[in-house]
Protein backbone atom coordinates (compact mmCIF):
# COMPACT_ATOMS: atom_id res chain seq x y z
CA MET A 1 -47.17 -12.28 -16.99
CA SER A 2 -48.16 -10.42 -20.13
CA PRO A 3 -45.46 -9.50 -22.65
CA SER A 4 -45.78 -5.75 -22.04
CA ILE A 5 -45.30 -6.13 -18.28
CA GLN A 6 -42.35 -8.45 -18.88
CA VAL A 7 -40.72 -5.82 -21.13
CA ILE A 8 -41.26 -3.13 -18.49
CA VAL A 9 -39.73 -5.37 -15.79
CA GLU A 10 -36.73 -6.17 -18.01
CA ILE A 11 -36.16 -2.49 -18.81
CA GLY A 12 -36.49 -1.61 -15.12
CA CYS A 13 -34.00 -4.31 -14.10
CA SER A 14 -31.56 -3.27 -16.81
CA LEU A 15 -31.83 0.37 -15.76
CA PHE A 16 -31.31 -0.55 -12.11
CA ALA A 17 -28.25 -2.66 -12.99
CA ALA A 18 -26.79 0.15 -15.11
CA ILE A 19 -27.27 2.71 -12.34
CA ALA A 20 -25.76 0.35 -9.77
CA LEU A 21 -22.69 -0.28 -11.96
CA ILE A 22 -22.20 3.44 -12.60
CA TYR A 23 -22.48 4.15 -8.87
CA ILE A 24 -20.00 1.41 -7.97
CA PHE A 25 -17.34 2.05 -10.59
CA LEU A 26 -17.51 5.83 -11.07
CA PRO A 27 -14.66 7.51 -9.17
CA GLY A 28 -15.77 9.65 -6.29
CA ARG A 29 -15.57 13.41 -6.28
CA ASP A 30 -13.33 13.38 -3.22
CA ALA A 31 -10.75 10.99 -4.69
CA ASP A 32 -8.16 13.77 -4.89
CA THR A 33 -8.49 14.86 -1.27
CA GLY A 34 -5.84 12.43 -0.03
CA VAL A 35 -2.57 13.63 1.39
CA THR A 36 0.12 14.10 -1.22
CA LYS A 37 3.24 12.29 -0.12
CA THR A 38 6.62 13.75 -0.69
CA ARG A 39 9.67 11.65 -1.36
CA LEU A 40 10.91 12.50 2.13
CA SER A 41 7.72 11.33 3.83
CA TYR A 42 7.82 8.12 1.79
CA LEU A 43 11.43 7.52 2.87
CA TYR A 44 10.56 8.03 6.54
CA GLU A 45 7.69 5.55 6.26
CA ARG A 46 9.92 3.05 4.46
CA LYS A 47 12.60 3.48 7.14
CA GLU A 48 10.09 2.60 9.85
CA VAL A 49 9.03 -0.50 7.92
CA VAL A 50 12.63 -1.64 7.53
CA TYR A 51 13.34 -1.05 11.23
CA ASP A 52 10.21 -3.04 12.16
CA ASN A 53 11.31 -5.83 9.85
CA LEU A 54 14.75 -5.88 11.47
CA ARG A 55 13.16 -6.17 14.93
CA ASP A 56 10.91 -8.97 13.70
CA LEU A 57 13.83 -10.76 12.07
CA ASN A 58 15.85 -10.56 15.28
CA PHE A 59 12.94 -11.95 17.29
CA GLU A 60 12.32 -14.78 14.83
CA PHE A 61 16.01 -15.68 14.77
CA LYS A 62 16.09 -15.85 18.57
CA SER A 63 13.02 -18.08 18.51
CA GLY A 64 14.82 -20.49 16.19
CA LYS A 65 12.99 -19.89 12.92
CA PHE A 66 16.15 -19.06 10.95
CA THR A 67 19.62 -20.51 10.69
CA GLN A 68 22.58 -18.28 11.44
CA ALA A 69 23.45 -17.99 7.72
CA ASP A 70 19.89 -17.08 6.70
CA TYR A 71 19.62 -14.56 9.51
CA GLU A 72 22.89 -12.86 8.64
CA GLY A 73 22.01 -12.66 4.94
CA MET A 74 18.58 -11.15 5.56
CA ARG A 75 19.91 -8.81 8.23
CA SER A 76 22.66 -7.64 5.90
CA ASN A 77 20.16 -6.87 3.13
CA MET A 78 17.84 -4.98 5.47
CA GLU A 79 20.69 -3.00 7.00
CA SER A 80 21.91 -2.07 3.51
CA GLU A 81 18.45 -0.83 2.61
CA ALA A 82 18.24 1.13 5.86
CA ALA A 83 21.61 2.74 5.12
CA ARG A 84 20.45 3.74 1.61
CA LEU A 85 17.26 5.20 3.03
CA LEU A 86 19.11 7.16 5.70
CA ALA A 87 21.58 8.50 3.16
CA GLU A 88 18.81 9.69 0.86
CA ILE A 89 16.88 11.21 3.78
CA GLU A 90 20.01 13.09 4.85
CA GLN A 91 20.60 14.27 1.28
CA LEU A 92 17.02 15.54 0.86
CA GLU A 93 17.02 17.28 4.23
CA ALA A 94 20.34 18.96 3.44
CA ALA A 95 18.97 20.19 0.11
CA LYS A 96 15.79 21.46 1.82
CA ALA A 97 17.72 23.47 4.42
């Protein structure tokens, strides 16, 4: 390959790589079209996660994966978190009304 053709190929490859990187890493125009979550919606989602985790924990305890002490400790922590979430949900809903 002659030196001039090699230079053209190298420039072309570099340009292609630069365009590809810009396309990949440039944020999209529609990045801000997502749903804005409120604190209340976050708390409801978190509450569902905690409830699901409690159900899973109960199932796994019954299947013998946890000792009684481990189960009670984890259940206590999850129930405490659920109580905090419910209290904050109630507080936010009372302030909204």
